[in-house]
Amino acid sequence: MTATAILDEQGRLIIPEEFREHLHLAPGDAFEINEDQGKVVLFPVSHKSSLKRVGDLLIVDAELDPEYKDRDLITDMREERIRDLLR
């Protein structure tokens, strides 16, 4: 998919509708912006998790809050597992 977007006087780009629909983008979505060898690269920043099938497995593709510590994650997962076992 290829399209041309024009930077307006206020520095905004409009992402064409076909891209927005294909990538499930909505007003208010955030993007990480990088420069790579003279190219502008946009990455949607998603706080929603999504499932992806990898072979026979369903994998959660999600980003953790950068303030969330590994130890907190392990503790939370352990407590959740204990709750599940006690049900």
Protein backbone atom coordinates (compact mmCIF):
# COMPACT_ATOMS: atom_id res chain seq x y z
CA MET A 1 0.00 0.00 0.00
CA THR A 2 1.42 3.37 -0.98
CA ALA A 3 0.05 6.90 -0.72
CA THR A 4 1.23 10.49 -0.56
CA ALA A 5 0.46 12.70 2.43
CA ILE A 6 1.12 16.45 2.50
CA LEU A 7 2.43 18.21 5.57
CA ASP A 8 0.21 21.21 6.29
CA GLU A 9 1.33 24.58 7.68
CA GLN A 10 0.74 23.39 11.24
CA GLY A 11 2.88 20.27 10.78
CA ARG A 12 0.01 17.77 10.47
CA LEU A 13 -0.26 14.81 8.14
CA ILE A 14 -3.51 13.11 7.25
CA ILE A 15 -3.17 9.35 7.10
CA PRO A 16 -5.27 8.14 4.16
CA GLU A 17 -8.50 6.33 5.03
CA GLU A 18 -7.40 3.00 3.52
CA PHE A 19 -4.37 2.96 5.86
CA ARG A 20 -6.47 3.94 8.89
CA GLU A 21 -8.97 1.18 8.18
CA HIS A 22 -6.32 -1.45 7.41
CA LEU A 23 -4.37 -0.62 10.59
CA HIS A 24 -7.50 -0.04 12.73
CA LEU A 25 -6.41 3.49 13.59
CA ALA A 26 -8.81 5.88 15.27
CA PRO A 27 -8.80 9.56 16.22
CA GLY A 28 -6.68 10.10 19.30
CA ASP A 29 -4.34 7.14 18.65
CA ALA A 30 -0.73 7.90 19.59
CA PHE A 31 2.35 7.25 17.48
CA GLU A 32 6.04 6.84 18.18
CA ILE A 33 8.01 8.85 15.61
CA ASN A 34 11.52 7.84 14.57
CA GLU A 35 14.01 8.99 11.96
CA ASP A 36 15.83 6.25 10.07
CA GLN A 37 18.38 7.25 7.44
CA GLY A 38 16.41 10.32 6.38
CA LYS A 39 13.01 8.60 6.54
CA VAL A 40 10.24 9.40 9.00
CA VAL A 41 8.89 6.20 10.55
CA LEU A 42 5.61 6.12 12.51
CA PHE A 43 4.70 3.28 14.87
CA PRO A 44 1.23 3.13 16.42
CA VAL A 45 1.53 3.06 20.21
CA SER A 46 -1.00 0.56 21.46
CA HIS A 47 -1.95 -0.01 25.06
CA LYS A 48 -4.52 -2.56 23.98
CA SER A 49 -3.43 -6.15 23.89
CA SER A 50 -4.14 -8.29 20.90
CA LEU A 51 -3.95 -12.02 20.34
CA LYS A 52 -1.84 -13.41 17.56
CA ARG A 53 -1.78 -17.02 16.46
CA VAL A 54 1.72 -18.48 16.22
CA GLY A 55 1.39 -22.09 15.13
CA ASP A 56 -0.99 -23.70 17.63
CA LEU A 57 -0.42 -21.00 20.27
CA LEU A 58 -2.25 -17.76 20.97
CA ILE A 59 0.27 -15.09 21.93
CA VAL A 60 -0.68 -11.81 23.62
CA ASP A 61 1.01 -8.88 21.90
CA ALA A 62 0.95 -6.09 24.46
CA GLU A 63 3.13 -3.37 25.86
CA LEU A 64 3.68 -2.97 29.57
CA ASP A 65 3.67 0.37 31.28
CA PRO A 66 7.38 1.37 31.44
CA GLU A 67 6.96 2.02 35.18
CA TYR A 68 5.81 -1.57 35.73
CA LYS A 69 8.68 -3.55 37.22
CA ASP A 70 9.43 -7.20 36.36
CA ARG A 71 9.16 -8.17 40.01
CA ASP A 72 5.66 -6.61 40.16
CA LEU A 73 4.66 -8.60 37.08
CA ILE A 74 5.92 -11.87 38.56
CA THR A 75 4.21 -11.18 41.88
CA ASP A 76 0.93 -10.29 40.17
CA MET A 77 1.07 -13.41 37.98
CA ARG A 78 1.84 -15.61 41.01
CA GLU A 79 -1.07 -14.15 42.99
CA GLU A 80 -3.43 -14.58 40.03
CA ARG A 81 -2.35 -18.22 39.66
CA ILE A 82 -2.93 -18.87 43.37
CA ARG A 83 -6.41 -17.31 43.15
CA ASP A 84 -7.21 -19.50 40.14
CA LEU A 85 -6.03 -22.65 41.95
CA LEU A 86 -8.14 -21.83 45.02
CA ARG A 87 -11.36 -21.51 43.02
